[in-house]
Structures are given as structure tokens and as C-alpha cells.
Protein backbone atom coordinates (compact mmCIF):
# COMPACT_ATOMS: atom_id res chain seq x y z
CA MET A 1 22.81 16.28 10.16
CA THR A 2 20.73 13.82 7.98
CA SER A 3 17.60 13.95 6.21
CA ARG A 4 14.33 12.27 6.94
CA VAL A 5 11.66 10.93 4.71
CA ARG A 6 8.85 13.38 4.96
CA HIS A 7 6.40 11.26 2.76
CA LEU A 8 6.39 9.11 -0.31
CA THR A 9 5.10 11.00 -3.36
CA ILE A 10 3.04 8.95 -5.81
CA ASP A 11 2.02 10.35 -9.46
CA SER A 12 -1.57 9.76 -10.24
CA HIS A 13 -4.44 10.64 -12.35
CA ASP A 14 -6.90 11.36 -9.47
CA ALA A 15 -5.02 12.27 -6.49
CA TYR A 16 -8.10 12.41 -4.22
CA ARG A 17 -9.33 9.01 -5.31
CA GLN A 18 -5.90 7.29 -4.80
CA GLY A 19 -5.56 9.07 -1.45
CA ALA A 20 -9.02 7.79 -0.24
CA PHE A 21 -8.03 4.30 -1.28
CA TRP A 22 -4.75 4.40 0.49
CA ALA A 23 -6.22 5.90 3.58
CA GLU A 24 -8.41 2.85 3.78
CA VAL A 25 -5.47 0.50 3.21
CA LEU A 26 -3.32 2.09 5.84
CA GLY A 27 -6.24 2.94 8.44
CA GLY A 28 -5.20 6.57 8.13
CA LYS A 29 -7.06 9.67 6.80
CA LEU A 30 -6.76 12.26 4.16
CA ALA A 31 -5.68 15.68 5.24
CA ASP A 32 -8.40 18.07 6.40
CA ASP A 33 -7.90 20.27 3.40
CA ASP A 34 -8.05 17.64 0.79
CA PHE A 35 -11.26 17.46 -1.52
CA PRO A 36 -12.32 15.74 -4.77
CA GLY A 37 -10.69 17.39 -7.67
CA ASP A 38 -7.65 18.76 -5.72
CA PRO A 39 -4.42 18.20 -7.60
CA GLU A 40 -2.81 16.80 -4.41
CA ALA A 41 -3.99 14.54 -1.55
CA THR A 42 -2.15 13.68 1.65
CA VAL A 43 -2.65 10.40 3.50
CA GLU A 44 -1.67 10.60 7.13
CA ALA A 45 -1.32 7.15 8.84
CA ASP A 46 0.71 5.80 11.74
CA SER A 47 3.02 3.88 9.44
CA ALA A 48 3.53 6.37 6.67
CA THR A 49 2.61 9.68 5.01
CA LEU A 50 1.83 9.38 1.30
CA LEU A 51 1.38 12.30 -0.97
CA PHE A 52 -0.51 11.73 -4.18
CA VAL A 53 -0.06 14.30 -6.94
CA THR A 54 -2.08 14.66 -10.17
CA VAL A 55 -0.04 14.24 -13.40
CA PRO A 56 -1.12 13.89 -17.11
CA GLU A 57 1.00 10.81 -17.74
CA THR A 58 -0.15 7.27 -17.48
CA LYS A 59 1.86 4.62 -15.67
CA THR A 60 3.54 2.47 -18.42
CA LEU A 61 6.27 0.49 -16.65
CA LYS A 62 6.79 -1.54 -13.43
CA ASN A 63 7.38 0.79 -10.42
CA ARG A 64 10.95 1.24 -9.44
CA LEU A 65 9.92 1.65 -5.81
CA HIS A 66 6.77 0.01 -4.04
CA ILE A 67 5.26 -0.35 -0.70
CA ASP A 68 5.44 -3.40 1.22
CA LEU A 69 2.60 -3.99 3.67
CA GLN A 70 2.73 -6.15 6.75
CA PRO A 71 -0.83 -6.81 8.30
CA GLN A 72 -0.99 -5.97 12.08
CA ASP A 73 -4.15 -7.56 13.17
CA ARG A 74 -4.99 -10.28 10.64
CA THR A 75 -3.17 -12.79 8.42
CA ARG A 76 -1.61 -12.05 5.09
CA ASP A 77 -4.39 -13.75 3.27
CA GLU A 78 -7.13 -12.00 5.12
CA GLU A 79 -5.36 -8.76 4.33
CA VAL A 80 -5.20 -9.64 0.77
CA GLU A 81 -8.91 -10.29 0.70
CA ARG A 82 -9.72 -6.93 2.51
CA LEU A 83 -7.57 -5.10 -0.07
CA LEU A 84 -9.28 -6.80 -3.02
CA ALA A 85 -12.63 -5.69 -1.63
CA LEU A 86 -11.32 -2.17 -1.51
CA GLY A 87 -10.58 -2.36 -5.29
CA ALA A 88 -7.05 -3.59 -5.45
CA LYS A 89 -6.15 -6.18 -8.02
CA LEU A 90 -3.99 -9.44 -7.57
CA TYR A 91 -0.93 -8.88 -9.94
CA GLU A 92 1.29 -11.85 -8.99
CA ASP A 93 0.81 -14.44 -6.37
CA HIS A 94 3.99 -15.53 -4.63
CA ARG A 95 2.37 -17.27 -1.82
CA ARG A 96 3.72 -20.89 -1.23
CA PRO A 97 2.43 -23.91 0.62
CA GLY A 98 3.24 -23.67 4.24
CA GLY A 99 2.46 -19.95 4.39
CA LEU A 100 5.67 -18.49 3.04
CA GLY A 101 5.73 -15.86 0.30
CA TRP A 102 3.85 -12.76 -0.58
CA ALA A 103 1.12 -11.40 -2.85
CA THR A 104 1.66 -8.44 -5.26
CA LEU A 105 -1.38 -6.28 -5.77
CA THR A 106 -2.07 -3.18 -7.73
CA ASP A 107 -3.88 -0.17 -6.51
CA LEU A 108 -6.61 1.70 -8.42
CA GLU A 109 -4.21 3.04 -10.95
CA GLY A 110 -1.92 0.07 -11.46
CA ASN A 111 0.76 0.77 -8.91
CA GLU A 112 2.23 -2.46 -7.53
CA PHE A 113 2.46 -3.17 -3.83
CA CYS A 114 3.19 -6.30 -1.87
CA VAL A 115 1.48 -7.87 1.21
CA GLU A 116 3.80 -9.88 3.31
CA ARG A 117 3.07 -12.28 6.21
CA SER A 118 2.15 -10.76 9.59
CA ALA A 119 4.59 -10.77 12.53
CA ASP A 120 2.71 -13.62 14.02
CA GLU A 121 2.80 -15.67 10.86
CA ARG A 122 6.57 -15.04 10.50
CA ALA A 123 7.03 -16.09 14.19
CA ALA A 124 5.13 -19.24 13.66
CA THR A 125 7.26 -20.52 10.69
CA GLU A 126 10.59 -18.88 11.53
CA GLY A 127 10.79 -19.26 15.26
CA PRO A 128 11.78 -16.61 17.81
CA THR A 129 15.18 -15.67 16.02
CA GLY A 130 13.80 -15.26 12.50
């Protein structure tokens, strides 16, 4: 028998605020029993379940694990703009001429995550086998 990933747990200062942000990012929702001020918040989305836990420490180093997002119904650049409007910040831009590359953003508390090209964008530049 093997294990499965139940959810990814992310330390935060404000679990509910982080959860609300990521629920918007993933098109998911916060668990019905999550409210502002709770020490934990669970985001339930089709693509992943994230658990935010309030801790006293501040993030000080680069993440050892991060989330890579692939837009489903828009381009990478459109998704980057949507996430910036939600409060994310551009951290490093690895997008290259011709549409290759990715953008690294940070969430409301400075956790890095990447936005890759959509499947349609990949197919257009890599062909049917890539």
C-alpha cells in the first residue's frame, strides 16, 4: 500500500486571508467551517487541496517547495495579469521571446509560485509530441 498527498500545508500569518487568495487563484472555495481569525483554512479546488496554518514565524528564505500553475482557459500572460490583480507580486520574470518560459510570482505573504504556459500554448510551440 502507498500513501497519497491529502493536501499541501503552508505556514502563514493569516491562514484565512491566504486561503481566500488561493481559493480565487485556483477557482476553489474555502471549507464551510473556515472563518476570519481561524488558525487554519482549507482551500478545496479541483486541482489541489491546500491547508493554511497560522504560525508566528515570518518567511525568511526561498521556498523549498512551490506550486506551479498552468492556466486552463487563458494564456500564461493573461493568468499572470489576473493574479497580479488579486494581489500577487511579480518576483522573477523568466518569460522569453517566442512565448517560452514562466513567471515567478509571490502570494500575499511572499511565498513563491510559478505560472507556466497553458497546454494550448505548449502545443503551439512544441508540436503534438512535446
